[in-house]
Amino acid sequence: MSIITISRGSYSRGKEVAEKVAEKLGYECISRDILLSASEEFNIPEIKLVRAIHDAPSVLERYTHGKERYISYIRKALLKRVQKDNVVYHGLAGHFFLQNIPHVFKIRIIANMEERVKEEIQREGITAEKARYILKKDDDERRRWGLQLYGIDTWDSQIYDMVLHIKSITVDDAVNAICRMIESPTFQTTPESQKILDDLLLAAEIKAAVVGIEPMLTVTADNGLVQISNVDVTRKIKTGVVAEIKAIAEKIPGVKRVIFTGQLKEEDHRTVNPFHNI
């Protein structure tokens, strides 16, 4: 049981590889539906969210803490979908949200530009010059999306376990190579690796639930013990924000205890102590 993420450019055959790998392994294949499910919670019209992939993250800048809210919702949606394994995810930044999970096999699919140009010409009926311009623009925007939103360069080969160039290697060759590699013990789910994923999902669920209250907070989880940091408790304690966040977090299944990190002023501590009985 494993998780496969495939990062790809447009017309790189990555979608085709992902679908064939999923079919051969009997895995679920997911992609943009993750974004669409997140958009319901994000309260942005679906068309804007989908278009944002191609227009770079500028659309998110129109909303207060749009970047933080988007990342919170998309992380939760993706982690929830892959929690039970046997999934192939092809799309932007899946490998970013699934870092440090041993049973995730991270792949990058690239293709020869001239072959991509030929496909674009055939699909759109445009000139080679126009096709090349569109593809380069799309590549640049996808790269900028990763850099601005997640702080990662999707072109950096070091963040992947395998990079496959669809040229002399065919789509079927790529599919066979991935299916062989996924059989390696390295990418098999263990109790330890599953715990990492479960903890990440719990933290993501809490962050998504409270991001509208405190967008910049950091949430981690470890066997139900939740730690929330970057909350300005000395400023917000009297307004009840800390208590509100705690109450929301404690209602989420799997949470056993909530701890806030930060320094309380002595006078605030005497007024109300949010750490009491946490």
C-alpha atoms as a PDB file:
ATOM      1  CA  MET A   1       0.000   0.000   0.000  1.00  0.00           C
ATOM      2  CA  SER A   2       1.499   3.297  -1.106  1.00  0.00           C
ATOM      3  CA  ILE A   3       0.874   6.824  -2.292  1.00  0.00           C
ATOM      4  CA  ILE A   4       2.232   8.103  -5.603  1.00  0.00           C
ATOM      5  CA  THR A   5       2.481  11.785  -6.509  1.00  0.00           C
ATOM      6  CA  ILE A   6       3.223  12.824 -10.061  1.00  0.00           C
ATOM      7  CA  SER A   7       4.290  16.390 -10.785  1.00  0.00           C
ATOM      8  CA  ARG A   8       3.966  17.357 -14.427  1.00  0.00           C
ATOM      9  CA  GLY A   9       3.870  20.155 -16.920  1.00  0.00           C
ATOM     10  CA  SER A  10       1.110  20.628 -19.465  1.00  0.00           C
ATOM     11  CA  TYR A  11       1.138  18.122 -22.333  1.00  0.00           C
ATOM     12  CA  SER A  12       4.025  16.236 -20.735  1.00  0.00           C
ATOM     13  CA  ARG A  13       2.000  12.974 -20.779  1.00  0.00           C
ATOM     14  CA  GLY A  14       2.046  13.029 -16.963  1.00  0.00           C
ATOM     15  CA  LYS A  15      -1.730  12.732 -16.700  1.00  0.00           C
ATOM     16  CA  GLU A  16      -1.672   9.738 -19.017  1.00  0.00           C
ATOM     17  CA  VAL A  17       1.102   8.115 -16.994  1.00  0.00           C
ATOM     18  CA  ALA A  18      -0.794   8.706 -13.751  1.00  0.00           C
ATOM     19  CA  GLU A  19      -4.019   7.228 -15.070  1.00  0.00           C
ATOM     20  CA  LYS A  20      -2.285   4.149 -16.487  1.00  0.00           C
ATOM     21  CA  VAL A  21      -0.314   3.574 -13.283  1.00  0.00           C
ATOM     22  CA  ALA A  22      -3.509   3.813 -11.230  1.00  0.00           C
ATOM     23  CA  GLU A  23      -5.305   1.416 -13.549  1.00  0.00           C
ATOM     24  CA  LYS A  24      -2.459  -1.110 -13.484  1.00  0.00           C
ATOM     25  CA  LEU A  25      -2.115  -0.993  -9.692  1.00  0.00           C
ATOM     26  CA  GLY A  26      -5.819  -0.736  -8.944  1.00  0.00           C
ATOM     27  CA  TYR A  27      -5.256   2.631  -7.226  1.00  0.00           C
ATOM     28  CA  GLU A  28      -7.528   5.660  -7.142  1.00  0.00           C
ATOM     29  CA  CYS A  29      -6.373   8.473  -9.448  1.00  0.00           C
ATOM     30  CA  ILE A  30      -7.078  12.011  -8.252  1.00  0.00           C
ATOM     31  CA  SER A  31      -6.162  15.488  -9.371  1.00  0.00           C
ATOM     32  CA  ARG A  32      -8.082  18.718  -9.740  1.00  0.00           C
ATOM     33  CA  ASP A  33     -11.130  17.390  -7.908  1.00  0.00           C
ATOM     34  CA  ILE A  34      -9.061  18.046  -4.781  1.00  0.00           C
ATOM     35  CA  LEU A  35      -8.960  21.723  -5.682  1.00  0.00           C
ATOM     36  CA  LEU A  36     -12.665  21.813  -6.399  1.00  0.00           C
ATOM     37  CA  SER A  37     -13.580  20.187  -3.096  1.00  0.00           C
ATOM     38  CA  ALA A  38     -11.367  22.711  -1.340  1.00  0.00           C
ATOM     39  CA  SER A  39     -12.988  25.592  -3.190  1.00  0.00           C
ATOM     40  CA  GLU A  40     -16.333  24.902  -1.486  1.00  0.00           C
ATOM     41  CA  GLU A  41     -14.734  25.504   1.892  1.00  0.00           C
ATOM     42  CA  PHE A  42     -12.607  28.339   0.556  1.00  0.00           C
ATOM     43  CA  ASN A  43     -15.728  30.166  -0.601  1.00  0.00           C
ATOM     44  CA  ILE A  44     -14.276  31.224  -3.943  1.00  0.00           C
ATOM     45  CA  PRO A  45     -16.116  30.455  -7.183  1.00  0.00           C
ATOM     46  CA  GLU A  46     -14.706  27.298  -8.710  1.00  0.00           C
ATOM     47  CA  ILE A  47     -13.840  28.972 -11.978  1.00  0.00           C
ATOM     48  CA  LYS A  48     -11.611  31.489 -10.212  1.00  0.00           C
ATOM     49  CA  LEU A  49      -9.833  28.798  -8.250  1.00  0.00           C
ATOM     50  CA  VAL A  50      -9.220  26.669 -11.334  1.00  0.00           C
ATOM     51  CA  ARG A  51      -8.094  29.664 -13.343  1.00  0.00           C
ATOM     52  CA  ALA A  52      -5.710  30.616 -10.552  1.00  0.00           C
ATOM     53  CA  ILE A  53      -3.551  27.647 -11.481  1.00  0.00           C
ATOM     54  CA  HIS A  54      -2.845  29.215 -14.839  1.00  0.00           C
ATOM     55  CA  ASP A  55      -2.882  32.860 -13.771  1.00  0.00           C
ATOM     56  CA  ALA A  56      -0.482  32.292 -10.836  1.00  0.00           C
ATOM     57  CA  PRO A  57      -1.581  32.995  -7.247  1.00  0.00           C
ATOM     58  CA  SER A  58      -2.506  36.621  -7.931  1.00  0.00           C
ATOM     59  CA  VAL A  59      -6.214  35.844  -7.504  1.00  0.00           C
ATOM     60  CA  LEU A  60      -5.575  34.786  -3.904  1.00  0.00           C
ATOM     61  CA  GLU A  61      -4.040  38.146  -3.108  1.00  0.00           C
ATOM     62  CA  ARG A  62      -7.462  39.747  -3.541  1.00  0.00           C
ATOM     63  CA  TYR A  63      -8.676  37.993  -0.409  1.00  0.00           C
ATOM     64  CA  THR A  64      -7.601  38.630   3.182  1.00  0.00           C
ATOM     65  CA  HIS A  65      -5.023  35.965   4.018  1.00  0.00           C
ATOM     66  CA  GLY A  66      -6.065  34.218   0.807  1.00  0.00           C
ATOM     67  CA  LYS A  67      -2.798  32.322   0.520  1.00  0.00           C
ATOM     68  CA  GLU A  68      -2.920  30.983   4.069  1.00  0.00           C
ATOM     69  CA  ARG A  69      -6.568  29.974   3.802  1.00  0.00           C
ATOM     70  CA  TYR A  70      -6.088  28.301   0.423  1.00  0.00           C
ATOM     71  CA  ILE A  71      -3.088  26.298   1.607  1.00  0.00           C
ATOM     72  CA  SER A  72      -4.947  25.199   4.745  1.00  0.00           C
ATOM     73  CA  TYR A  73      -7.973  23.955   2.840  1.00  0.00           C
ATOM     74  CA  ILE A  74      -6.059  22.275   0.041  1.00  0.00           C
ATOM     75  CA  ARG A  75      -3.721  20.524   2.504  1.00  0.00           C
ATOM     76  CA  LYS A  76      -6.664  19.145   4.460  1.00  0.00           C
ATOM     77  CA  ALA A  77      -8.457  17.992   1.307  1.00  0.00           C
ATOM     78  CA  LEU A  78      -5.405  16.212  -0.088  1.00  0.00           C
ATOM     79  CA  LEU A  79      -4.339  14.532   3.151  1.00  0.00           C
ATOM     80  CA  LYS A  80      -7.870  13.297   3.747  1.00  0.00           C
ATOM     81  CA  ARG A  81      -8.035  11.761   0.279  1.00  0.00           C
ATOM     82  CA  VAL A  82      -4.690   9.940   0.533  1.00  0.00           C
ATOM     83  CA  GLN A  83      -4.944   8.799   4.161  1.00  0.00           C
ATOM     84  CA  LYS A  84      -6.046   5.283   3.237  1.00  0.00           C
ATOM     85  CA  ASP A  85      -3.287   4.819   0.645  1.00  0.00           C
ATOM     86  CA  ASN A  86      -3.485   3.252  -2.814  1.00  0.00           C
ATOM     87  CA  VAL A  87      -3.714   6.658  -4.480  1.00  0.00           C
ATOM     88  CA  VAL A  88      -2.033   8.297  -7.459  1.00  0.00           C
ATOM     89  CA  TYR A  89      -2.184  12.089  -7.228  1.00  0.00           C
ATOM     90  CA  HIS A  90      -1.150  14.136 -10.242  1.00  0.00           C
ATOM     91  CA  GLY A  91      -1.226  17.863  -9.892  1.00  0.00           C
ATOM     92  CA  LEU A  92       0.467  20.855  -8.355  1.00  0.00           C
ATOM     93  CA  ALA A  93       2.395  20.550  -5.104  1.00  0.00           C
ATOM     94  CA  GLY A  94       1.134  17.176  -3.902  1.00  0.00           C
ATOM     95  CA  HIS A  95       4.703  16.342  -2.970  1.00  0.00           C
ATOM     96  CA  PHE A  96       4.850  19.558  -0.913  1.00  0.00           C
ATOM     97  CA  PHE A  97       2.038  18.501   1.422  1.00  0.00           C
ATOM     98  CA  LEU A  98       3.311  14.928   1.640  1.00  0.00           C
ATOM     99  CA  GLN A  99       6.925  15.633   2.544  1.00  0.00           C
ATOM    100  CA  ASN A 100       8.665  13.331   5.011  1.00  0.00           C
ATOM    101  CA  ILE A 101       6.093  10.553   4.640  1.00  0.00           C
ATOM    102  CA  PRO A 102       8.201   7.484   3.759  1.00  0.00           C
ATOM    103  CA  HIS A 103       5.537   5.595   1.794  1.00  0.00           C
ATOM    104  CA  VAL A 104       4.985   8.442  -0.673  1.00  0.00           C
ATOM    105  CA  PHE A 105       6.704   7.909  -4.033  1.00  0.00           C
ATOM    106  CA  LYS A 106       7.329  11.361  -5.551  1.00  0.00           C
ATOM    107  CA  ILE A 107       7.772  11.494  -9.333  1.00  0.00           C
ATOM    108  CA  ARG A 108       8.351  14.242 -11.874  1.00  0.00           C
ATOM    109  CA  ILE A 109       7.349  13.712 -15.502  1.00  0.00           C
ATOM    110  CA  ILE A 110       8.966  15.905 -18.148  1.00  0.00           C
ATOM    111  CA  ALA A 111       8.745  15.804 -21.921  1.00  0.00           C
ATOM    112  CA  ASN A 112      10.620  17.133 -24.915  1.00  0.00           C
ATOM    113  CA  MET A 113       9.441  20.648 -25.805  1.00  0.00           C
ATOM    114  CA  GLU A 114       9.180  19.918 -29.523  1.00  0.00           C
ATOM    115  CA  GLU A 115       6.944  16.933 -28.861  1.00  0.00           C
ATOM    116  CA  ARG A 116       4.786  19.069 -26.597  1.00  0.00           C
ATOM    117  CA  VAL A 117       4.590  21.729 -29.296  1.00  0.00           C
ATOM    118  CA  LYS A 118       3.393  19.125 -31.806  1.00  0.00           C
ATOM    119  CA  GLU A 119       0.634  18.018 -29.430  1.00  0.00           C
ATOM    120  CA  GLU A 120      -0.438  21.606 -28.783  1.00  0.00           C
ATOM    121  CA  ILE A 121      -0.586  22.299 -32.530  1.00  0.00           C
ATOM    122  CA  GLN A 122      -2.706  19.207 -33.058  1.00  0.00           C
ATOM    123  CA  ARG A 123      -5.057  20.017 -30.172  1.00  0.00           C
ATOM    124  CA  GLU A 124      -5.517  23.732 -30.844  1.00  0.00           C
ATOM    125  CA  GLY A 125      -4.804  24.107 -34.538  1.00  0.00           C
ATOM    126  CA  ILE A 126      -2.310  26.912 -33.974  1.00  0.00           C
ATOM    127  CA  THR A 127       1.165  27.733 -35.268  1.00  0.00           C
ATOM    128  CA  ALA A 128       4.307  26.251 -33.772  1.00  0.00           C
ATOM    129  CA  GLU A 129       5.371  29.692 -32.570  1.00  0.00           C
ATOM    130  CA  LYS A 130       2.071  30.250 -30.777  1.00  0.00           C
ATOM    131  CA  ALA A 131       2.139  26.746 -29.289  1.00  0.00           C
ATOM    132  CA  ARG A 132       5.674  27.220 -27.967  1.00  0.00           C
ATOM    133  CA  TYR A 133       4.713  30.559 -26.423  1.00  0.00           C
ATOM    134  CA  ILE A 134       1.667  29.064 -24.666  1.00  0.00           C
ATOM    135  CA  LEU A 135       3.629  26.119 -23.293  1.00  0.00           C
ATOM    136  CA  LYS A 136       6.459  28.276 -22.012  1.00  0.00           C
ATOM    137  CA  LYS A 137       3.980  30.642 -20.366  1.00  0.00           C
ATOM    138  CA  ASP A 138       2.170  27.739 -18.736  1.00  0.00           C
ATOM    139  CA  ASP A 139       5.456  26.265 -17.466  1.00  0.00           C
ATOM    140  CA  ASP A 140       6.518  29.601 -16.016  1.00  0.00           C
ATOM    141  CA  GLU A 141       3.176  30.131 -14.294  1.00  0.00           C
ATOM    142  CA  ARG A 142       3.150  26.649 -12.798  1.00  0.00           C
ATOM    143  CA  ARG A 143       6.669  27.176 -11.529  1.00  0.00           C
ATOM    144  CA  ARG A 144       5.759  30.569 -10.081  1.00  0.00           C
ATOM    145  CA  TRP A 145       2.693  29.038  -8.435  1.00  0.00           C
ATOM    146  CA  GLY A 146       4.914  26.570  -6.582  1.00  0.00           C
ATOM    147  CA  LEU A 147       7.445  29.200  -5.571  1.00  0.00           C
ATOM    148  CA  GLN A 148       5.000  31.856  -4.403  1.00  0.00           C
ATOM    149  CA  LEU A 149       2.463  29.611  -2.753  1.00  0.00           C
ATOM    150  CA  TYR A 150       4.537  26.777  -1.335  1.00  0.00           C
ATOM    151  CA  GLY A 151       8.112  28.020  -1.485  1.00  0.00           C
ATOM    152  CA  ILE A 152       9.231  25.109  -3.654  1.00  0.00           C
ATOM    153  CA  ASP A 153      10.654  24.942  -7.158  1.00  0.00           C
ATOM    154  CA  THR A 154       8.769  22.237  -9.030  1.00  0.00           C
ATOM    155  CA  TRP A 155      11.715  22.027 -11.459  1.00  0.00           C
ATOM    156  CA  ASP A 156      14.127  21.022  -8.680  1.00  0.00           C
ATOM    157  CA  SER A 157      14.897  17.345  -9.234  1.00  0.00           C
ATOM    158  CA  GLN A 158      16.076  16.926  -5.635  1.00  0.00           C
ATOM    159  CA  ILE A 159      12.528  17.017  -4.274  1.00  0.00           C
ATOM    160  CA  TYR A 160      11.546  13.898  -6.246  1.00  0.00           C
ATOM    161  CA  ASP A 161      12.412  10.222  -5.910  1.00  0.00           C
ATOM    162  CA  MET A 162      12.344   9.751  -9.668  1.00  0.00           C
ATOM    163  CA  VAL A 163      12.374  12.011 -12.735  1.00  0.00           C
ATOM    164  CA  LEU A 164      11.215  10.477 -16.021  1.00  0.00           C
ATOM    165  CA  HIS A 165      11.754  12.101 -19.413  1.00  0.00           C
ATOM    166  CA  ILE A 166       9.123  11.070 -21.935  1.00  0.00           C
ATOM    167  CA  LYS A 167      11.190  10.969 -25.095  1.00  0.00           C
ATOM    168  CA  SER A 168      13.164   7.809 -25.680  1.00  0.00           C
ATOM    169  CA  ILE A 169      11.251   6.474 -22.665  1.00  0.00           C
ATOM    170  CA  THR A 170       7.645   5.901 -23.692  1.00  0.00           C
ATOM    171  CA  VAL A 171       4.561   6.339 -21.546  1.00  0.00           C
ATOM    172  CA  ASP A 172       4.338   2.578 -21.118  1.00  0.00           C
ATOM    173  CA  ASP A 173       8.011   2.434 -20.130  1.00  0.00           C
ATOM    174  CA  ALA A 174       7.352   5.075 -17.475  1.00  0.00           C
ATOM    175  CA  VAL A 175       4.299   3.221 -16.190  1.00  0.00           C
ATOM    176  CA  ASN A 176       6.221  -0.046 -15.919  1.00  0.00           C
ATOM    177  CA  ALA A 177       9.144   1.643 -14.165  1.00  0.00           C
ATOM    178  CA  ILE A 178       6.859   3.259 -11.588  1.00  0.00           C
ATOM    179  CA  CYS A 179       4.954   0.039 -10.952  1.00  0.00           C
ATOM    180  CA  ARG A 180       8.195  -1.862 -10.405  1.00  0.00           C
ATOM    181  CA  MET A 181       9.590   0.742  -8.031  1.00  0.00           C
ATOM    182  CA  ILE A 182       6.419   0.943  -5.960  1.00  0.00           C
ATOM    183  CA  GLU A 183       6.923  -2.697  -5.001  1.00  0.00           C
ATOM    184  CA  SER A 184      10.066  -1.713  -3.115  1.00  0.00           C
ATOM    185  CA  PRO A 185       9.839  -1.984   0.700  1.00  0.00           C
ATOM    186  CA  THR A 186      10.943   1.661   0.764  1.00  0.00           C
ATOM    187  CA  PHE A 187       7.492   2.804  -0.336  1.00  0.00           C
ATOM    188  CA  GLN A 188       5.354   0.397   1.662  1.00  0.00           C
ATOM    189  CA  THR A 189       3.197   1.760   4.453  1.00  0.00           C
ATOM    190  CA  THR A 190       4.393   0.959   7.960  1.00  0.00           C
ATOM    191  CA  PRO A 191       2.747   1.785  11.307  1.00  0.00           C
ATOM    192  CA  GLU A 192       5.361   4.500  11.741  1.00  0.00           C
ATOM    193  CA  SER A 193       4.774   6.111   8.341  1.00  0.00           C
ATOM    194  CA  GLN A 194       0.996   5.881   8.769  1.00  0.00           C
ATOM    195  CA  LYS A 195       1.281   7.697  12.088  1.00  0.00           C
ATOM    196  CA  ILE A 196       3.149  10.534  10.385  1.00  0.00           C
ATOM    197  CA  LEU A 197       0.325  10.876   7.856  1.00  0.00           C
ATOM    198  CA  ASP A 198      -2.411  10.640  10.497  1.00  0.00           C
ATOM    199  CA  ASP A 199      -0.738  13.318  12.611  1.00  0.00           C
ATOM    200  CA  LEU A 200      -0.393  15.595   9.593  1.00  0.00           C
ATOM    201  CA  LEU A 201      -4.064  15.146   8.739  1.00  0.00           C
ATOM    202  CA  LEU A 202      -5.224  15.918  12.277  1.00  0.00           C
ATOM    203  CA  ALA A 203      -3.103  19.069  12.340  1.00  0.00           C
ATOM    204  CA  ALA A 204      -4.440  20.053   8.908  1.00  0.00           C
ATOM    205  CA  GLU A 205      -8.057  19.579  10.004  1.00  0.00           C
ATOM    206  CA  ILE A 206      -7.513  21.837  13.004  1.00  0.00           C
ATOM    207  CA  LYS A 207      -5.691  24.476  10.976  1.00  0.00           C
ATOM    208  CA  ALA A 208      -8.453  24.549   8.365  1.00  0.00           C
ATOM    209  CA  ALA A 209     -11.076  24.870  11.109  1.00  0.00           C
ATOM    210  CA  VAL A 210      -9.424  27.889  12.762  1.00  0.00           C
ATOM    211  CA  VAL A 211      -7.555  29.594   9.902  1.00  0.00           C
ATOM    212  CA  GLY A 212     -10.352  32.136   9.571  1.00  0.00           C
ATOM    213  CA  ILE A 213      -9.749  33.203  13.166  1.00  0.00           C
ATOM    214  CA  GLU A 214      -5.952  33.187  13.241  1.00  0.00           C
ATOM    215  CA  PRO A 215      -4.463  32.639   9.756  1.00  0.00           C
ATOM    216  CA  MET A 216      -0.799  32.640  10.750  1.00  0.00           C
ATOM    217  CA  LEU A 217      -0.841  30.012  13.476  1.00  0.00           C
ATOM    218  CA  THR A 218       1.123  26.768  13.281  1.00  0.00           C
ATOM    219  CA  VAL A 219      -0.460  23.471  14.286  1.00  0.00           C
ATOM    220  CA  THR A 220       1.265  20.159  14.944  1.00  0.00           C
ATOM    221  CA  ALA A 221      -0.125  16.887  16.263  1.00  0.00           C
ATOM    222  CA  ASP A 222       1.375  13.801  17.868  1.00  0.00           C
ATOM    223  CA  ASN A 223      -0.946  10.940  18.841  1.00  0.00           C
ATOM    224  CA  GLY A 224      -3.753  13.342  19.634  1.00  0.00           C
ATOM    225  CA  LEU A 225      -1.588  15.853  21.481  1.00  0.00           C
ATOM    226  CA  VAL A 226      -2.009  19.109  19.586  1.00  0.00           C
ATOM    227  CA  GLN A 227       0.382  22.025  19.845  1.00  0.00           C
ATOM    228  CA  ILE A 228      -0.637  25.420  18.521  1.00  0.00           C
ATOM    229  CA  SER A 229       1.931  28.166  18.175  1.00  0.00           C
ATOM    230  CA  ASN A 230       2.326  31.642  16.678  1.00  0.00           C
ATOM    231  CA  VAL A 231      -0.782  32.764  18.534  1.00  0.00           C
ATOM    232  CA  ASP A 232      -0.332  36.142  20.167  1.00  0.00           C
ATOM    233  CA  VAL A 233      -1.842  35.019  23.461  1.00  0.00           C
ATOM    234  CA  THR A 234      -0.731  38.104  25.371  1.00  0.00           C
ATOM    235  CA  ARG A 235      -2.720  40.301  22.984  1.00  0.00           C
ATOM    236  CA  LYS A 236      -5.690  38.077  22.356  1.00  0.00           C
ATOM    237  CA  ILE A 237      -6.295  36.346  25.643  1.00  0.00           C
ATOM    238  CA  LYS A 238      -8.797  38.965  26.862  1.00  0.00           C
ATOM    239  CA  THR A 239     -10.768  38.812  23.621  1.00  0.00           C
ATOM    240  CA  GLY A 240     -11.336  35.078  24.035  1.00  0.00           C
ATOM    241  CA  VAL A 241      -9.576  34.118  20.807  1.00  0.00           C
ATOM    242  CA  VAL A 242      -7.361  31.515  22.462  1.00  0.00           C
ATOM    243  CA  ALA A 243     -10.354  29.968  24.218  1.00  0.00           C
ATOM    244  CA  GLU A 244     -12.297  29.950  20.947  1.00  0.00           C
ATOM    245  CA  ILE A 245      -9.483  28.215  19.062  1.00  0.00           C
ATOM    246  CA  LYS A 246      -9.119  25.664  21.846  1.00  0.00           C
ATOM    247  CA  ALA A 247     -12.845  24.926  21.877  1.00  0.00           C
ATOM    248  CA  ILE A 248     -12.911  24.375  18.113  1.00  0.00           C
ATOM    249  CA  ALA A 249      -9.821  22.146  18.176  1.00  0.00           C
ATOM    250  CA  GLU A 250     -11.154  19.970  20.986  1.00  0.00           C
ATOM    251  CA  LYS A 251     -14.282  19.134  18.971  1.00  0.00           C
ATOM    252  CA  ILE A 252     -12.270  17.547  16.165  1.00  0.00           C
ATOM    253  CA  PRO A 253     -12.171  13.737  16.409  1.00  0.00           C
ATOM    254  CA  GLY A 254      -8.792  12.406  17.505  1.00  0.00           C
ATOM    255  CA  VAL A 255      -7.799  15.413  19.608  1.00  0.00           C
ATOM    256  CA  LYS A 256      -6.868  14.409  23.160  1.00  0.00           C
ATOM    257  CA  ARG A 257      -5.189  17.543  24.441  1.00  0.00           C
ATOM    258  CA  VAL A 258      -4.467  21.058  23.173  1.00  0.00           C
ATOM    259  CA  ILE A 259      -1.410  23.037  24.194  1.00  0.00           C
ATOM    260  CA  PHE A 260      -0.614  26.627  23.227  1.00  0.00           C
ATOM    261  CA  THR A 261       2.952  27.867  23.143  1.00  0.00           C
ATOM    262  CA  GLY A 262       3.771  31.458  24.036  1.00  0.00           C
ATOM    263  CA  GLN A 263       4.397  33.683  26.998  1.00  0.00           C
ATOM    264  CA  LEU A 264       1.553  35.067  29.092  1.00  0.00           C
ATOM    265  CA  LYS A 265       1.855  38.350  30.890  1.00  0.00           C
ATOM    266  CA  GLU A 266       1.431  37.964  34.612  1.00  0.00           C
ATOM    267  CA  GLU A 267      -1.584  40.284  34.724  1.00  0.00           C
ATOM    268  CA  ASP A 268      -3.242  38.333  31.894  1.00  0.00           C
ATOM    269  CA  HIS A 269      -2.518  35.088  33.700  1.00  0.00           C
ATOM    270  CA  ARG A 270      -4.383  36.351  36.753  1.00  0.00           C
ATOM    271  CA  THR A 271      -7.332  37.421  34.621  1.00  0.00           C
ATOM    272  CA  VAL A 272      -7.879  34.193  32.719  1.00  0.00           C
ATOM    273  CA  ASN A 273      -5.582  31.260  32.119  1.00  0.00           C
ATOM    274  CA  PRO A 274      -6.225  29.387  28.857  1.00  0.00           C
ATOM    275  CA  PHE A 275      -3.650  26.773  29.853  1.00  0.00           C
ATOM    276  CA  HIS A 276      -5.628  25.649  32.886  1.00  0.00           C
ATOM    277  CA  ASN A 277      -6.569  21.991  32.630  1.00  0.00           C
ATOM    278  CA  ILE A 278      -5.361  21.806  29.028  1.00  0.00           C
END
